[in-house]
Structures are given as structure tokens and as C-alpha cells.
Amino acid sequence: MASFNPKNLSTSVLHSYLLSAVAPRPIAFASTMNDKGEANLSPFSFFNVFSANPPILIFSPARRVRDNTTKHTLHNVESTKEVVINVVNYDLVQQMSLASTEYPEGVNEFEKAGLTMVKSDVVKPFRVAESPVQLECKVNEVIALGTEGGAGNLVICEVLKLHIDDDVLNED
């Protein structure tokens, strides 16, 4: 068995090891809006549910390793305090890949990925119609975990409303 001190690994190698260690990884689209009301959509594999009472989930837009910049999603949630978390299933893998491309601010990733925007009931960001589970959330807190490339930002969200496809629900 190989052993490593994280401080002795490059950020990209450490990132690869950590991602591979936790698999399979749940992936979600985070849909947000900027201050101008423009839709934004981005996939995240740093995502999970952490509490049922209150209903809390966390996703983490990390600082880019190559240039230490941050995603539009992070700026939007810091500004508007709202997000919709849309679960990605196998049927959405191609669209997820298209939405992961870095576009200039204001470009609608829903359109680029061929996904359908659905008006939310409680928050302003749109839901992804094709997603089997959609969670409308308010952002309770954003915690920066560092200032260098690769550092995460924990976006702590409280679920205000759930939308679950009938095919996902069963009697249990």
C-alpha cells in the first residue's frame, strides 16, 4: 500500500486521489441566477446531503487550480442566497458534460446543454425539468476553505421544497 503526505503532492494529483477514493460520486447541477436575473447551471461532484432536520445539503465550488479563479455559481449564491440542486442521473451524463464547459458570464448553460428550465415555486433559480430530483434551497452560509487553487467553498443550503419524479418514488 502506498502512503502519501498531502503536502508533498501537487494539488492536481491530490485532487485525483481524493475523488477516486470516494466513488461512486453523486453529481448535481446547481442552478443559480446572477443579479441581472440570468440563469446559470453547473455540475458539481462535491455534493451531498448532511442533515434531515433541518434538511441541509452542501456543495462545494472549488477554486480553479490552473488560475485560482472561482465559478459564476459561487458568485451567484453569495449574492442571491438561492440555488436549486438538481440530481444528475445516467440519462443526463451528456448534458452534464456540455454544461461543465466554461462559458462567459451571462451564457445560459441550460440552452447550451439542451436542458429545459422550469420555474421554481419558492426560489428564483430555475429547476432542470429532466432531473429526477430537484431541491429548491436557500443558502444559509458559504465557508471558504482556503485561498489557493483547489480550495473548496462549502455552500450550506437549506432545502425549502423538494420535487421528486414519480418514477423515483416507491412505497418505501
N, C-alpha and C. Protein backbone atom coordinates (compact mmCIF):
# COMPACT_ATOMS: atom_id res chain seq x y z
N MET A 1 0.85 -1.18 0.00
CA MET A 1 0.00 0.00 0.00
C MET A 1 0.90 1.24 0.00
N ALA A 2 0.62 2.17 -0.88
CA ALA A 2 1.37 3.42 -0.94
C ALA A 2 0.79 4.41 0.06
N SER A 3 1.64 5.19 0.69
CA SER A 3 1.22 6.22 1.65
C SER A 3 1.75 7.57 1.21
N PHE A 4 0.95 8.62 1.44
CA PHE A 4 1.31 9.95 0.97
C PHE A 4 1.03 11.00 2.03
N ASN A 5 1.87 11.99 2.10
CA ASN A 5 1.60 13.20 2.86
C ASN A 5 0.98 14.18 1.87
N PRO A 6 -0.26 14.63 2.09
CA PRO A 6 -0.91 15.54 1.14
C PRO A 6 -0.07 16.77 0.80
N LYS A 7 0.75 17.23 1.73
CA LYS A 7 1.57 18.43 1.49
C LYS A 7 2.67 18.18 0.47
N ASN A 8 2.98 16.89 0.22
CA ASN A 8 4.03 16.56 -0.74
C ASN A 8 3.50 16.25 -2.13
N LEU A 9 2.19 16.36 -2.33
CA LEU A 9 1.57 16.09 -3.62
C LEU A 9 1.13 17.39 -4.27
N SER A 10 1.16 17.42 -5.59
CA SER A 10 0.60 18.58 -6.29
C SER A 10 -0.91 18.59 -6.05
N THR A 11 -1.51 19.75 -6.16
CA THR A 11 -2.95 19.86 -5.95
C THR A 11 -3.71 18.99 -6.93
N SER A 12 -3.26 18.94 -8.18
CA SER A 12 -3.99 18.14 -9.17
C SER A 12 -3.91 16.65 -8.87
N VAL A 13 -2.76 16.16 -8.41
CA VAL A 13 -2.62 14.74 -8.06
C VAL A 13 -3.45 14.43 -6.82
N LEU A 14 -3.38 15.28 -5.80
CA LEU A 14 -4.16 15.08 -4.59
C LEU A 14 -5.66 15.07 -4.90
N HIS A 15 -6.08 16.01 -5.74
CA HIS A 15 -7.48 16.09 -6.17
C HIS A 15 -7.91 14.76 -6.80
N SER A 16 -7.09 14.24 -7.69
CA SER A 16 -7.39 12.98 -8.36
C SER A 16 -7.51 11.83 -7.36
N TYR A 17 -6.58 11.74 -6.43
CA TYR A 17 -6.63 10.67 -5.42
C TYR A 17 -7.88 10.78 -4.55
N LEU A 18 -8.19 11.98 -4.11
CA LEU A 18 -9.36 12.16 -3.24
C LEU A 18 -10.66 11.84 -3.96
N LEU A 19 -10.78 12.29 -5.22
CA LEU A 19 -12.00 11.99 -5.97
C LEU A 19 -12.16 10.49 -6.20
N SER A 20 -11.06 9.83 -6.50
CA SER A 20 -11.11 8.39 -6.75
C SER A 20 -11.41 7.60 -5.48
N ALA A 21 -11.07 8.14 -4.33
CA ALA A 21 -11.28 7.44 -3.07
C ALA A 21 -12.75 7.36 -2.68
N VAL A 22 -13.53 8.32 -3.12
CA VAL A 22 -14.96 8.35 -2.79
C VAL A 22 -15.74 8.12 -4.08
N ALA A 23 -16.16 6.88 -4.28
CA ALA A 23 -16.85 6.55 -5.52
C ALA A 23 -17.88 5.46 -5.23
N PRO A 24 -18.98 5.40 -5.93
CA PRO A 24 -19.37 6.38 -6.95
C PRO A 24 -19.73 7.72 -6.31
N ARG A 25 -19.52 8.77 -7.06
CA ARG A 25 -19.77 10.12 -6.56
C ARG A 25 -21.14 10.61 -7.03
N PRO A 26 -21.94 11.12 -6.11
CA PRO A 26 -23.18 11.76 -6.57
C PRO A 26 -22.84 13.06 -7.28
N ILE A 27 -23.58 13.37 -8.31
CA ILE A 27 -23.36 14.62 -9.05
C ILE A 27 -24.68 15.37 -9.13
N ALA A 28 -24.58 16.67 -9.00
CA ALA A 28 -25.77 17.52 -9.07
C ALA A 28 -25.49 18.73 -9.94
N PHE A 29 -26.52 19.19 -10.62
CA PHE A 29 -26.48 20.50 -11.25
C PHE A 29 -26.89 21.52 -10.19
N ALA A 30 -26.12 22.57 -10.02
CA ALA A 30 -26.54 23.70 -9.21
C ALA A 30 -27.03 24.77 -10.18
N SER A 31 -28.30 25.13 -10.08
CA SER A 31 -28.81 26.21 -10.92
C SER A 31 -28.97 27.45 -10.06
N THR A 32 -28.43 28.54 -10.58
CA THR A 32 -28.45 29.82 -9.87
C THR A 32 -28.85 30.92 -10.85
N MET A 33 -28.98 32.12 -10.30
CA MET A 33 -29.19 33.31 -11.12
C MET A 33 -28.24 34.39 -10.63
N ASN A 34 -27.78 35.20 -11.57
CA ASN A 34 -26.96 36.34 -11.15
C ASN A 34 -27.87 37.52 -10.81
N ASP A 35 -27.27 38.62 -10.43
CA ASP A 35 -28.04 39.81 -10.03
C ASP A 35 -28.88 40.38 -11.17
N LYS A 36 -28.52 40.05 -12.42
CA LYS A 36 -29.28 40.54 -13.58
C LYS A 36 -30.44 39.61 -13.93
N GLY A 37 -30.58 38.49 -13.19
CA GLY A 37 -31.65 37.53 -13.47
C GLY A 37 -31.30 36.54 -14.56
N GLU A 38 -30.01 36.43 -14.91
CA GLU A 38 -29.57 35.49 -15.94
C GLU A 38 -29.31 34.12 -15.30
N ALA A 39 -29.81 33.07 -15.96
CA ALA A 39 -29.67 31.71 -15.44
C ALA A 39 -28.25 31.20 -15.60
N ASN A 40 -27.83 30.38 -14.63
CA ASN A 40 -26.52 29.73 -14.65
C ASN A 40 -26.74 28.28 -14.22
N LEU A 41 -25.99 27.36 -14.82
CA LEU A 41 -26.10 25.95 -14.48
C LEU A 41 -24.71 25.33 -14.51
N SER A 42 -24.37 24.60 -13.46
CA SER A 42 -23.05 23.98 -13.39
C SER A 42 -23.12 22.68 -12.60
N PRO A 43 -22.43 21.62 -13.08
CA PRO A 43 -22.42 20.36 -12.35
C PRO A 43 -21.37 20.36 -11.24
N PHE A 44 -21.68 19.64 -10.15
CA PHE A 44 -20.76 19.53 -9.02
C PHE A 44 -20.74 18.10 -8.52
N SER A 45 -19.53 17.55 -8.33
CA SER A 45 -19.41 16.23 -7.72
C SER A 45 -19.08 16.36 -6.23
N PHE A 46 -18.69 17.54 -5.79
CA PHE A 46 -18.55 17.79 -4.36
C PHE A 46 -19.93 18.20 -3.86
N PHE A 47 -20.76 17.20 -3.56
CA PHE A 47 -22.16 17.45 -3.22
C PHE A 47 -22.69 16.28 -2.39
N ASN A 48 -23.49 16.59 -1.37
CA ASN A 48 -24.19 15.54 -0.62
C ASN A 48 -25.17 16.16 0.37
N VAL A 49 -26.03 15.30 0.93
CA VAL A 49 -26.98 15.70 1.97
C VAL A 49 -26.32 15.43 3.32
N PHE A 50 -26.47 16.36 4.27
CA PHE A 50 -25.80 16.24 5.56
C PHE A 50 -26.75 16.23 6.74
N SER A 51 -28.02 16.55 6.55
CA SER A 51 -28.97 16.57 7.66
C SER A 51 -30.38 16.49 7.12
N ALA A 52 -31.26 15.81 7.89
CA ALA A 52 -32.67 15.73 7.52
C ALA A 52 -33.51 16.71 8.33
N ASN A 53 -33.04 17.09 9.51
CA ASN A 53 -33.80 18.01 10.36
C ASN A 53 -32.85 18.96 11.07
N PRO A 54 -32.58 20.12 10.49
CA PRO A 54 -33.19 20.68 9.28
C PRO A 54 -32.62 20.00 8.03
N PRO A 55 -33.35 20.07 6.90
CA PRO A 55 -32.87 19.46 5.66
C PRO A 55 -31.74 20.29 5.06
N ILE A 56 -30.52 19.79 5.20
CA ILE A 56 -29.33 20.53 4.77
C ILE A 56 -28.55 19.72 3.76
N LEU A 57 -28.13 20.37 2.70
CA LEU A 57 -27.18 19.77 1.77
C LEU A 57 -26.06 20.77 1.55
N ILE A 58 -24.94 20.24 1.11
CA ILE A 58 -23.76 21.08 0.89
C ILE A 58 -23.19 20.72 -0.47
N PHE A 59 -22.79 21.75 -1.22
CA PHE A 59 -21.98 21.52 -2.41
C PHE A 59 -20.80 22.47 -2.33
N SER A 60 -19.77 22.18 -3.11
CA SER A 60 -18.54 22.95 -2.95
C SER A 60 -17.93 23.34 -4.29
N PRO A 61 -18.14 24.59 -4.71
CA PRO A 61 -17.43 25.08 -5.88
C PRO A 61 -15.98 25.40 -5.49
N ALA A 62 -15.05 24.63 -6.01
CA ALA A 62 -13.63 24.83 -5.67
C ALA A 62 -13.01 25.91 -6.55
N ARG A 63 -11.99 26.53 -6.01
CA ARG A 63 -11.19 27.48 -6.79
C ARG A 63 -10.45 26.68 -7.86
N ARG A 64 -10.37 27.22 -9.07
CA ARG A 64 -9.69 26.51 -10.16
C ARG A 64 -8.19 26.41 -9.84
N VAL A 65 -7.63 25.23 -10.07
CA VAL A 65 -6.22 25.00 -9.79
C VAL A 65 -5.35 25.81 -10.75
N ARG A 66 -5.73 25.88 -12.01
CA ARG A 66 -4.86 26.49 -13.02
C ARG A 66 -4.67 27.99 -12.85
N ASP A 67 -5.71 28.71 -12.35
CA ASP A 67 -5.58 30.17 -12.27
C ASP A 67 -6.21 30.77 -11.01
N ASN A 68 -6.66 29.92 -10.08
CA ASN A 68 -7.19 30.36 -8.78
C ASN A 68 -8.46 31.22 -8.89
N THR A 69 -9.20 31.09 -9.98
CA THR A 69 -10.45 31.83 -10.12
C THR A 69 -11.61 30.98 -9.59
N THR A 70 -12.78 31.60 -9.48
CA THR A 70 -13.96 30.89 -8.97
C THR A 70 -15.07 30.89 -10.02
N LYS A 71 -16.00 29.96 -9.84
CA LYS A 71 -17.11 29.80 -10.79
C LYS A 71 -18.18 30.88 -10.59
N HIS A 72 -18.94 31.12 -11.65
CA HIS A 72 -20.08 32.03 -11.57
C HIS A 72 -21.05 31.58 -10.50
N THR A 73 -21.19 30.26 -10.33
CA THR A 73 -22.11 29.71 -9.32
C THR A 73 -21.80 30.27 -7.94
N LEU A 74 -20.52 30.30 -7.57
CA LEU A 74 -20.14 30.80 -6.25
C LEU A 74 -20.53 32.26 -6.10
N HIS A 75 -20.23 33.07 -7.09
CA HIS A 75 -20.59 34.49 -7.03
C HIS A 75 -22.10 34.66 -6.90
N ASN A 76 -22.85 33.85 -7.64
CA ASN A 76 -24.31 33.96 -7.62
C ASN A 76 -24.89 33.60 -6.26
N VAL A 77 -24.44 32.49 -5.66
CA VAL A 77 -25.01 32.11 -4.36
C VAL A 77 -24.61 33.07 -3.26
N GLU A 78 -23.42 33.66 -3.37
CA GLU A 78 -23.02 34.66 -2.38
C GLU A 78 -23.89 35.91 -2.49
N SER A 79 -24.29 36.22 -3.72
CA SER A 79 -25.06 37.43 -3.97
C SER A 79 -26.56 37.25 -3.71
N THR A 80 -27.13 36.15 -4.21
CA THR A 80 -28.59 35.99 -4.16
C THR A 80 -29.08 35.10 -3.02
N LYS A 81 -28.19 34.25 -2.49
CA LYS A 81 -28.53 33.33 -1.38
C LYS A 81 -29.59 32.30 -1.78
N GLU A 82 -29.65 31.95 -3.07
CA GLU A 82 -30.61 30.94 -3.55
C GLU A 82 -29.94 30.02 -4.55
N VAL A 83 -30.40 28.76 -4.57
CA VAL A 83 -29.89 27.76 -5.52
C VAL A 83 -30.90 26.63 -5.62
N VAL A 84 -30.93 25.98 -6.77
CA VAL A 84 -31.68 24.73 -6.91
C VAL A 84 -30.66 23.64 -7.19
N ILE A 85 -30.70 22.58 -6.39
CA ILE A 85 -29.84 21.42 -6.60
C ILE A 85 -30.66 20.38 -7.35
N ASN A 86 -30.18 20.00 -8.53
CA ASN A 86 -30.86 19.07 -9.42
C ASN A 86 -29.99 17.83 -9.56
N VAL A 87 -30.49 16.69 -9.13
CA VAL A 87 -29.71 15.46 -9.16
C VAL A 87 -29.48 15.02 -10.60
N VAL A 88 -28.25 14.62 -10.89
CA VAL A 88 -27.88 14.12 -12.22
C VAL A 88 -27.92 12.60 -12.19
N ASN A 89 -28.66 12.01 -13.13
CA ASN A 89 -28.66 10.55 -13.27
C ASN A 89 -27.97 10.19 -14.58
N TYR A 90 -27.91 8.90 -14.86
CA TYR A 90 -27.20 8.43 -16.04
C TYR A 90 -27.75 9.05 -17.33
N ASP A 91 -29.05 9.25 -17.39
CA ASP A 91 -29.68 9.82 -18.59
C ASP A 91 -29.19 11.24 -18.89
N LEU A 92 -28.61 11.91 -17.91
CA LEU A 92 -28.19 13.30 -18.07
C LEU A 92 -26.68 13.47 -18.24
N VAL A 93 -25.95 12.38 -18.42
CA VAL A 93 -24.49 12.46 -18.47
C VAL A 93 -24.00 13.34 -19.61
N GLN A 94 -24.57 13.21 -20.80
CA GLN A 94 -24.14 14.03 -21.94
C GLN A 94 -24.39 15.51 -21.68
N GLN A 95 -25.59 15.83 -21.17
CA GLN A 95 -25.92 17.22 -20.88
C GLN A 95 -25.03 17.78 -19.77
N MET A 96 -24.69 16.93 -18.80
CA MET A 96 -23.81 17.36 -17.72
C MET A 96 -22.45 17.77 -18.28
N SER A 97 -21.95 16.97 -19.20
CA SER A 97 -20.66 17.29 -19.82
C SER A 97 -20.73 18.62 -20.57
N LEU A 98 -21.80 18.84 -21.30
CA LEU A 98 -21.96 20.11 -22.03
C LEU A 98 -22.06 21.30 -21.08
N ALA A 99 -22.77 21.13 -19.98
CA ALA A 99 -22.94 22.22 -19.02
C ALA A 99 -21.66 22.50 -18.24
N SER A 100 -20.73 21.56 -18.22
CA SER A 100 -19.50 21.76 -17.45
C SER A 100 -18.49 22.64 -18.18
N THR A 101 -18.73 22.91 -19.45
CA THR A 101 -17.85 23.80 -20.21
C THR A 101 -17.89 25.19 -19.60
N GLU A 102 -16.73 25.84 -19.58
CA GLU A 102 -16.68 27.20 -19.04
C GLU A 102 -17.14 28.19 -20.11
N TYR A 103 -18.23 28.85 -19.83
CA TYR A 103 -18.78 29.87 -20.72
C TYR A 103 -18.63 31.23 -20.06
N PRO A 104 -18.64 32.30 -20.86
CA PRO A 104 -18.61 33.64 -20.26
C PRO A 104 -19.87 33.88 -19.43
N GLU A 105 -19.78 34.77 -18.46
CA GLU A 105 -20.94 35.11 -17.64
C GLU A 105 -22.08 35.58 -18.53
N GLY A 106 -23.29 35.14 -18.20
CA GLY A 106 -24.47 35.53 -18.96
C GLY A 106 -24.88 34.50 -20.00
N VAL A 107 -23.98 33.55 -20.34
CA VAL A 107 -24.34 32.49 -21.28
C VAL A 107 -25.21 31.48 -20.53
N ASN A 108 -26.30 31.08 -21.14
CA ASN A 108 -27.25 30.17 -20.50
C ASN A 108 -26.84 28.72 -20.74
N GLU A 109 -26.31 28.06 -19.70
CA GLU A 109 -25.88 26.67 -19.82
C GLU A 109 -27.04 25.71 -20.01
N PHE A 110 -28.24 26.08 -19.57
CA PHE A 110 -29.42 25.25 -19.85
C PHE A 110 -29.54 25.08 -21.37
N GLU A 111 -29.46 26.19 -22.09
CA GLU A 111 -29.59 26.16 -23.55
C GLU A 111 -28.44 25.41 -24.20
N LYS A 112 -27.21 25.67 -23.75
CA LYS A 112 -26.04 25.01 -24.32
C LYS A 112 -26.10 23.50 -24.15
N ALA A 113 -26.68 23.04 -23.03
CA ALA A 113 -26.75 21.61 -22.73
C ALA A 113 -28.05 20.97 -23.23
N GLY A 114 -28.96 21.78 -23.77
CA GLY A 114 -30.23 21.23 -24.25
C GLY A 114 -31.16 20.81 -23.14
N LEU A 115 -31.10 21.49 -22.00
CA LEU A 115 -31.95 21.18 -20.85
C LEU A 115 -33.10 22.18 -20.74
N THR A 116 -34.18 21.75 -20.12
CA THR A 116 -35.39 22.56 -20.02
C THR A 116 -35.45 23.27 -18.68
N MET A 117 -35.64 24.59 -18.72
CA MET A 117 -35.79 25.38 -17.50
C MET A 117 -37.25 25.33 -17.05
N VAL A 118 -37.45 25.04 -15.75
CA VAL A 118 -38.78 25.03 -15.15
C VAL A 118 -38.78 26.04 -14.02
N LYS A 119 -39.80 26.88 -13.98
CA LYS A 119 -39.90 27.87 -12.91
C LYS A 119 -40.00 27.17 -11.56
N SER A 120 -39.25 27.67 -10.61
CA SER A 120 -39.30 27.13 -9.25
C SER A 120 -40.49 27.72 -8.51
N ASP A 121 -40.89 27.07 -7.43
CA ASP A 121 -42.03 27.52 -6.64
C ASP A 121 -41.65 28.51 -5.55
N VAL A 122 -40.44 28.38 -4.99
CA VAL A 122 -40.06 29.15 -3.81
C VAL A 122 -38.88 30.09 -4.06
N VAL A 123 -37.94 29.68 -4.92
CA VAL A 123 -36.74 30.48 -5.19
C VAL A 123 -36.73 30.93 -6.65
N LYS A 124 -35.85 31.87 -6.97
CA LYS A 124 -35.80 32.40 -8.34
C LYS A 124 -35.09 31.50 -9.35
N PRO A 125 -33.99 30.83 -8.98
CA PRO A 125 -33.33 29.99 -9.99
C PRO A 125 -34.27 28.91 -10.52
N PHE A 126 -34.05 28.58 -11.79
CA PHE A 126 -34.88 27.56 -12.45
C PHE A 126 -34.47 26.16 -12.02
N ARG A 127 -35.40 25.23 -12.17
CA ARG A 127 -35.13 23.81 -11.98
C ARG A 127 -34.82 23.19 -13.34
N VAL A 128 -34.14 22.04 -13.32
CA VAL A 128 -33.87 21.27 -14.53
C VAL A 128 -34.99 20.25 -14.69
N ALA A 129 -35.84 20.44 -15.70
CA ALA A 129 -37.01 19.57 -15.88
C ALA A 129 -36.62 18.10 -15.99
N GLU A 130 -35.50 17.82 -16.61
CA GLU A 130 -35.09 16.43 -16.85
C GLU A 130 -34.51 15.75 -15.61
N SER A 131 -34.22 16.50 -14.58
CA SER A 131 -33.65 15.93 -13.36
C SER A 131 -34.73 15.20 -12.56
N PRO A 132 -34.43 13.99 -12.05
CA PRO A 132 -35.43 13.23 -11.30
C PRO A 132 -35.71 13.77 -9.90
N VAL A 133 -34.77 14.54 -9.35
CA VAL A 133 -34.96 15.14 -8.03
C VAL A 133 -34.43 16.57 -8.08
N GLN A 134 -35.29 17.51 -7.67
CA GLN A 134 -34.95 18.94 -7.70
C GLN A 134 -35.21 19.52 -6.32
N LEU A 135 -34.21 20.19 -5.76
CA LEU A 135 -34.29 20.69 -4.39
C LEU A 135 -34.11 22.21 -4.38
N GLU A 136 -35.19 22.92 -4.11
CA GLU A 136 -35.12 24.38 -4.03
C GLU A 136 -34.55 24.75 -2.66
N CYS A 137 -33.53 25.59 -2.66
CA CYS A 137 -32.80 25.87 -1.42
C CYS A 137 -32.52 27.35 -1.22
N LYS A 138 -32.41 27.71 0.07
CA LYS A 138 -31.83 28.99 0.43
C LYS A 138 -30.42 28.68 0.92
N VAL A 139 -29.51 29.61 0.70
CA VAL A 139 -28.12 29.44 1.12
C VAL A 139 -27.98 30.01 2.52
N ASN A 140 -27.67 29.15 3.48
CA ASN A 140 -27.51 29.60 4.86
C ASN A 140 -26.14 30.20 5.11
N GLU A 141 -25.12 29.64 4.45
CA GLU A 141 -23.75 30.09 4.72
C GLU A 141 -22.82 29.60 3.63
N VAL A 142 -21.78 30.38 3.36
CA VAL A 142 -20.70 29.96 2.47
C VAL A 142 -19.41 30.05 3.28
N ILE A 143 -18.70 28.94 3.34
CA ILE A 143 -17.45 28.89 4.11
C ILE A 143 -16.29 28.62 3.15
N ALA A 144 -15.40 29.60 3.02
CA ALA A 144 -14.20 29.43 2.20
C ALA A 144 -13.21 28.56 2.97
N LEU A 145 -12.71 27.51 2.32
CA LEU A 145 -11.78 26.59 2.98
C LEU A 145 -10.33 26.93 2.70
N GLY A 146 -10.09 27.95 1.89
CA GLY A 146 -8.74 28.37 1.58
C GLY A 146 -8.77 29.43 0.50
N THR A 147 -7.59 29.93 0.16
CA THR A 147 -7.50 31.00 -0.83
C THR A 147 -6.66 30.60 -2.04
N GLU A 148 -6.13 29.40 -2.05
CA GLU A 148 -5.30 28.93 -3.16
C GLU A 148 -6.11 28.06 -4.11
N GLY A 149 -5.60 27.86 -5.32
CA GLY A 149 -6.26 27.00 -6.29
C GLY A 149 -6.53 25.62 -5.72
N GLY A 150 -7.72 25.10 -5.94
CA GLY A 150 -8.12 23.80 -5.41
C GLY A 150 -8.89 23.88 -4.11
N ALA A 151 -8.88 25.05 -3.47
CA ALA A 151 -9.59 25.21 -2.19
C ALA A 151 -11.09 25.24 -2.45
N GLY A 152 -11.83 24.51 -1.63
CA GLY A 152 -13.27 24.46 -1.76
C GLY A 152 -13.95 25.62 -1.05
N ASN A 153 -15.20 25.79 -1.36
CA ASN A 153 -16.08 26.75 -0.69
C ASN A 153 -17.36 25.98 -0.35
N LEU A 154 -17.57 25.71 0.93
CA LEU A 154 -18.76 24.95 1.32
C LEU A 154 -19.98 25.85 1.24
N VAL A 155 -20.92 25.49 0.39
CA VAL A 155 -22.17 26.22 0.27
C VAL A 155 -23.21 25.39 1.03
N ILE A 156 -23.59 25.89 2.20
CA ILE A 156 -24.51 25.17 3.07
C ILE A 156 -25.93 25.64 2.76
N CYS A 157 -26.74 24.70 2.28
CA CYS A 157 -28.07 25.02 1.77
C CYS A 157 -29.16 24.35 2.60
N GLU A 158 -30.24 25.07 2.81
CA GLU A 158 -31.41 24.50 3.47
C GLU A 158 -32.48 24.26 2.42
N VAL A 159 -32.98 23.04 2.37
CA VAL A 159 -33.99 22.67 1.38
C VAL A 159 -35.34 23.26 1.80
N LEU A 160 -35.92 24.06 0.90
CA LEU A 160 -37.22 24.68 1.15
C LEU A 160 -38.36 23.91 0.50
N LYS A 161 -38.06 23.24 -0.63
CA LYS A 161 -39.08 22.46 -1.33
C LYS A 161 -38.40 21.39 -2.16
N LEU A 162 -38.98 20.19 -2.17
CA LEU A 162 -38.47 19.06 -2.95
C LEU A 162 -39.44 18.74 -4.08
N HIS A 163 -38.88 18.37 -5.23
CA HIS A 163 -39.66 17.87 -6.36
C HIS A 163 -39.05 16.53 -6.74
N ILE A 164 -39.83 15.45 -6.69
CA ILE A 164 -39.31 14.11 -6.95
C ILE A 164 -40.17 13.45 -8.02
N ASP A 165 -39.53 12.98 -9.07
CA ASP A 165 -40.23 12.30 -10.16
C ASP A 165 -40.95 11.07 -9.63
N ASP A 166 -42.16 10.84 -10.12
CA ASP A 166 -42.96 9.69 -9.67
C ASP A 166 -42.24 8.36 -9.89
N ASP A 167 -41.40 8.28 -10.93
CA ASP A 167 -40.67 7.04 -11.20
C ASP A 167 -39.62 6.74 -10.12
N VAL A 168 -39.19 7.77 -9.41
CA VAL A 168 -38.20 7.60 -8.35
C VAL A 168 -38.86 7.16 -7.05
N LEU A 169 -40.05 7.69 -6.82
CA LEU A 169 -40.77 7.36 -5.59
C LEU A 169 -41.30 5.93 -5.64
N ASN A 170 -41.25 5.27 -4.49
CA ASN A 170 -41.90 3.97 -4.36
C ASN A 170 -42.58 3.93 -3.00
N GLU A 171 -43.16 2.82 -2.65
CA GLU A 171 -43.93 2.75 -1.40
C GLU A 171 -43.06 2.85 -0.16
N ASP A 172 -41.75 2.62 -0.29
CA ASP A 172 -40.84 2.71 0.85
C ASP A 172 -40.37 4.14 1.00
